[in-house]
């Protein structure tokens, strides 16, 4: 899975709140089903921030590979037959 941070070149239209392009930020969260269903990341024990985009003026991307085993301690592991949930949340930082 590839995750591309929003940046001024990739955001063509303004969002519904007319947020300026230079103030767009994106986070990618790995969450449990309850957090996914409610689109809620308040229970920080059940979610993990995978990617945080802080600079909308540069092109930043990251690829995630879904492996059953992680080569690093504490890395994500994905077992066949299980469901996994992700949330991308746009926030505006002042």
C-alpha atoms as a PDB file:
ATOM      1  CA  UNK A   1       0.000   0.000   0.000  1.00  0.00           C
ATOM      2  CA  UNK A   2       1.358   3.412  -0.879  1.00  0.00           C
ATOM      3  CA  UNK A   3       0.518   6.483   1.154  1.00  0.00           C
ATOM      4  CA  UNK A   4       1.130   9.891  -0.412  1.00  0.00           C
ATOM      5  CA  UNK A   5       1.030  12.962   1.789  1.00  0.00           C
ATOM      6  CA  UNK A   6      -1.238  15.670   0.428  1.00  0.00           C
ATOM      7  CA  UNK A   7       0.690  18.565  -1.017  1.00  0.00           C
ATOM      8  CA  UNK A   8      -0.064  21.685  -2.982  1.00  0.00           C
ATOM      9  CA  UNK A   9       0.512  19.920  -6.312  1.00  0.00           C
ATOM     10  CA  UNK A  10      -1.829  16.971  -5.629  1.00  0.00           C
ATOM     11  CA  UNK A  11      -4.765  18.852  -4.083  1.00  0.00           C
ATOM     12  CA  UNK A  12      -6.758  20.174  -7.024  1.00  0.00           C
ATOM     13  CA  UNK A  13      -9.913  21.424  -5.315  1.00  0.00           C
ATOM     14  CA  UNK A  14     -10.534  23.127  -1.996  1.00  0.00           C
ATOM     15  CA  UNK A  15     -12.225  20.995   0.643  1.00  0.00           C
ATOM     16  CA  UNK A  16     -15.727  21.657   1.959  1.00  0.00           C
ATOM     17  CA  UNK A  17     -14.337  23.961   4.671  1.00  0.00           C
ATOM     18  CA  UNK A  18     -12.261  26.009   2.190  1.00  0.00           C
ATOM     19  CA  UNK A  19      -9.028  25.073   3.951  1.00  0.00           C
ATOM     20  CA  UNK A  20      -6.079  26.644   2.149  1.00  0.00           C
ATOM     21  CA  UNK A  21      -3.915  24.051   0.406  1.00  0.00           C
ATOM     22  CA  UNK A  22      -0.852  25.086   2.402  1.00  0.00           C
ATOM     23  CA  UNK A  23      -2.646  24.130   5.649  1.00  0.00           C
ATOM     24  CA  UNK A  24      -3.561  20.552   4.666  1.00  0.00           C
ATOM     25  CA  UNK A  25      -2.050  17.827   6.809  1.00  0.00           C
ATOM     26  CA  UNK A  26      -2.766  14.104   6.844  1.00  0.00           C
ATOM     27  CA  UNK A  27      -2.284  11.320   9.346  1.00  0.00           C
ATOM     28  CA  UNK A  28      -2.525   7.593   8.665  1.00  0.00           C
ATOM     29  CA  UNK A  29      -3.682   5.542  11.635  1.00  0.00           C
ATOM     30  CA  UNK A  30      -3.766   1.766  12.138  1.00  0.00           C
ATOM     31  CA  UNK A  31      -6.900   1.205  14.240  1.00  0.00           C
ATOM     32  CA  UNK A  32      -9.182  -1.430  15.696  1.00  0.00           C
ATOM     33  CA  UNK A  33     -12.638  -2.112  14.234  1.00  0.00           C
ATOM     34  CA  UNK A  34     -14.480   0.011  16.807  1.00  0.00           C
ATOM     35  CA  UNK A  35     -12.284   3.020  16.015  1.00  0.00           C
ATOM     36  CA  UNK A  36     -12.768   2.429  12.287  1.00  0.00           C
ATOM     37  CA  UNK A  37     -16.555   2.124  12.578  1.00  0.00           C
ATOM     38  CA  UNK A  38     -16.817   5.340  14.592  1.00  0.00           C
ATOM     39  CA  UNK A  39     -14.003   7.149  12.729  1.00  0.00           C
ATOM     40  CA  UNK A  40     -12.677   7.934  16.185  1.00  0.00           C
ATOM     41  CA  UNK A  41      -9.064   7.887  17.352  1.00  0.00           C
ATOM     42  CA  UNK A  42      -9.664   8.877  20.968  1.00  0.00           C
ATOM     43  CA  UNK A  43      -8.614   5.491  22.413  1.00  0.00           C
ATOM     44  CA  UNK A  44      -4.872   5.844  21.834  1.00  0.00           C
ATOM     45  CA  UNK A  45      -4.177   2.403  23.315  1.00  0.00           C
ATOM     46  CA  UNK A  46      -6.002   0.796  20.388  1.00  0.00           C
ATOM     47  CA  UNK A  47      -4.478   2.830  17.551  1.00  0.00           C
ATOM     48  CA  UNK A  48      -1.034   3.408  16.099  1.00  0.00           C
ATOM     49  CA  UNK A  49       0.055   6.455  14.119  1.00  0.00           C
ATOM     50  CA  UNK A  50       1.773   5.093  10.999  1.00  0.00           C
ATOM     51  CA  UNK A  51       2.444   8.278   9.084  1.00  0.00           C
ATOM     52  CA  UNK A  52       2.157  11.975   9.819  1.00  0.00           C
ATOM     53  CA  UNK A  53       2.406  14.546   7.050  1.00  0.00           C
ATOM     54  CA  UNK A  54       3.578  17.919   8.294  1.00  0.00           C
ATOM     55  CA  UNK A  55       4.834  19.747   5.197  1.00  0.00           C
ATOM     56  CA  UNK A  56       2.276  20.247   2.414  1.00  0.00           C
ATOM     57  CA  UNK A  57       4.876  22.032   0.290  1.00  0.00           C
ATOM     58  CA  UNK A  58       6.878  18.838  -0.388  1.00  0.00           C
ATOM     59  CA  UNK A  59       6.032  15.487  -1.958  1.00  0.00           C
ATOM     60  CA  UNK A  60       6.382  12.741   0.656  1.00  0.00           C
ATOM     61  CA  UNK A  61       5.268   9.139   0.292  1.00  0.00           C
ATOM     62  CA  UNK A  62       5.698   5.868   2.099  1.00  0.00           C
ATOM     63  CA  UNK A  63       4.962   2.286   1.129  1.00  0.00           C
ATOM     64  CA  UNK A  64       3.650  -0.311   3.521  1.00  0.00           C
ATOM     65  CA  UNK A  65       4.096  -4.016   2.887  1.00  0.00           C
ATOM     66  CA  UNK A  66       1.644  -6.461   4.413  1.00  0.00           C
ATOM     67  CA  UNK A  67       3.847  -9.263   5.774  1.00  0.00           C
ATOM     68  CA  UNK A  68       3.039 -12.026   8.205  1.00  0.00           C
ATOM     69  CA  UNK A  69       6.354 -11.427   9.978  1.00  0.00           C
ATOM     70  CA  UNK A  70       8.087  -8.128  10.691  1.00  0.00           C
ATOM     71  CA  UNK A  71      11.869  -7.861  10.365  1.00  0.00           C
ATOM     72  CA  UNK A  72      11.927  -5.220  13.116  1.00  0.00           C
ATOM     73  CA  UNK A  73      10.891  -5.529  16.731  1.00  0.00           C
ATOM     74  CA  UNK A  74       7.474  -3.984  17.309  1.00  0.00           C
ATOM     75  CA  UNK A  75       6.735  -3.834  13.571  1.00  0.00           C
ATOM     76  CA  UNK A  76       3.321  -4.515  12.130  1.00  0.00           C
ATOM     77  CA  UNK A  77       2.397  -8.106  11.369  1.00  0.00           C
ATOM     78  CA  UNK A  78      -0.545  -9.102   9.195  1.00  0.00           C
ATOM     79  CA  UNK A  79      -1.921 -12.639   9.381  1.00  0.00           C
ATOM     80  CA  UNK A  80      -3.860 -14.138   6.465  1.00  0.00           C
ATOM     81  CA  UNK A  81      -7.637 -14.198   6.946  1.00  0.00           C
ATOM     82  CA  UNK A  82      -7.716 -11.301   9.441  1.00  0.00           C
ATOM     83  CA  UNK A  83      -9.214  -7.871   8.823  1.00  0.00           C
ATOM     84  CA  UNK A  84      -7.152  -4.735   9.404  1.00  0.00           C
ATOM     85  CA  UNK A  85      -8.402  -1.157   9.573  1.00  0.00           C
ATOM     86  CA  UNK A  86      -6.870   2.196   8.718  1.00  0.00           C
ATOM     87  CA  UNK A  87      -8.098   5.772   9.062  1.00  0.00           C
ATOM     88  CA  UNK A  88      -6.713   8.819   7.281  1.00  0.00           C
ATOM     89  CA  UNK A  89      -7.636  11.980   9.139  1.00  0.00           C
ATOM     90  CA  UNK A  90      -7.198  15.467   7.753  1.00  0.00           C
ATOM     91  CA  UNK A  91      -6.470  18.080  10.370  1.00  0.00           C
ATOM     92  CA  UNK A  92      -5.649  21.767  10.133  1.00  0.00           C
ATOM     93  CA  UNK A  93      -2.770  23.077  12.209  1.00  0.00           C
ATOM     94  CA  UNK A  94      -2.622  26.789  12.994  1.00  0.00           C
END
